[in-house]
Amino acid sequence: MDGRDRVNNIVKEIKDSTNNELLFALNFLNEDYEKTKEMIINLTKHLDSIEIVYNKVLKEHEKRHNGFK
């Protein structure tokens, strides 16, 4: 059983879960949250850089094609 499955089982039986199980779930969820947040930040930076390059290429493309209409 992986961590996510274990957390799901703990949540399903939350009233009967031990303190150690609750602590495991909290730690697992906190780590998952931080990893997910970091991925979102990195993807946002990547998306921003793509947008900058795209706009630069689009501007050059439009300059070149405006003269040929």
Protein backbone atom coordinates (compact mmCIF):
# COMPACT_ATOMS: atom_id res chain seq x y z
CA MET A 1 0.00 0.00 0.00
CA ASP A 2 1.41 3.36 -0.96
CA GLY A 3 1.19 6.53 1.11
CA ARG A 4 -1.87 7.90 -0.66
CA ASP A 5 -3.80 4.67 -0.14
CA ARG A 6 -2.75 4.62 3.49
CA VAL A 7 -3.93 8.21 3.98
CA ASN A 8 -7.25 7.40 2.29
CA ASN A 9 -7.75 4.47 4.66
CA ILE A 10 -6.88 6.64 7.65
CA VAL A 11 -9.40 9.25 6.55
CA LYS A 12 -12.10 6.61 5.98
CA GLU A 13 -11.61 5.35 9.53
CA ILE A 14 -10.57 8.66 11.05
CA LYS A 15 -12.42 8.13 14.36
CA ASP A 16 -10.60 4.83 14.87
CA SER A 17 -7.19 5.95 13.59
CA THR A 18 -4.31 6.09 16.02
CA ASN A 19 -2.39 9.27 16.76
CA ASN A 20 0.56 7.84 14.82
CA GLU A 21 -1.66 7.25 11.80
CA LEU A 22 -3.02 10.79 11.99
CA LEU A 23 0.53 12.12 12.25
CA PHE A 24 1.54 10.03 9.22
CA ALA A 25 -1.41 11.46 7.26
CA LEU A 26 -0.55 15.02 8.26
CA ASN A 27 3.10 14.60 7.26
CA PHE A 28 2.23 12.89 4.00
CA LEU A 29 -0.32 15.55 3.06
CA ASN A 30 2.05 18.38 4.00
CA GLU A 31 4.84 16.92 1.85
CA ASP A 32 2.42 16.37 -1.04
CA TYR A 33 1.14 19.93 -0.70
CA GLU A 34 4.66 21.40 -0.77
CA LYS A 35 5.69 19.29 -3.77
CA THR A 36 2.52 20.25 -5.65
CA LYS A 37 3.01 23.93 -4.82
CA GLU A 38 6.60 23.79 -6.08
CA MET A 39 5.49 22.11 -9.32
CA ILE A 40 2.85 24.78 -9.87
CA ILE A 41 5.39 27.54 -9.30
CA ASN A 42 7.84 25.93 -11.72
CA LEU A 43 5.15 25.37 -14.34
CA THR A 44 3.99 28.98 -13.98
CA LYS A 45 7.54 30.21 -14.57
CA HIS A 46 7.81 27.93 -17.59
CA LEU A 47 4.48 29.12 -18.96
CA ASP A 48 5.53 32.75 -18.49
CA SER A 49 8.77 32.17 -20.40
CA ILE A 50 6.90 30.44 -23.22
CA GLU A 51 4.52 33.39 -23.45
CA ILE A 52 7.42 35.85 -23.67
CA VAL A 53 9.11 33.91 -26.47
CA TYR A 54 5.81 33.33 -28.28
CA ASN A 55 4.99 37.04 -28.23
CA LYS A 56 8.48 37.90 -29.51
CA VAL A 57 8.16 35.45 -32.41
CA LEU A 58 4.59 36.60 -33.14
CA LYS A 59 5.68 40.25 -33.24
CA GLU A 60 8.46 39.45 -35.73
CA HIS A 61 6.11 37.32 -37.83
CA GLU A 62 3.52 40.10 -37.95
CA LYS A 63 6.19 42.67 -38.94
CA ARG A 64 7.27 40.49 -41.85
CA HIS A 65 3.77 39.75 -43.10
CA ASN A 66 2.31 43.23 -42.76
CA GLY A 67 4.54 44.44 -45.60
CA PHE A 68 3.36 41.69 -47.99
CA LYS A 69 -0.39 42.29 -47.85
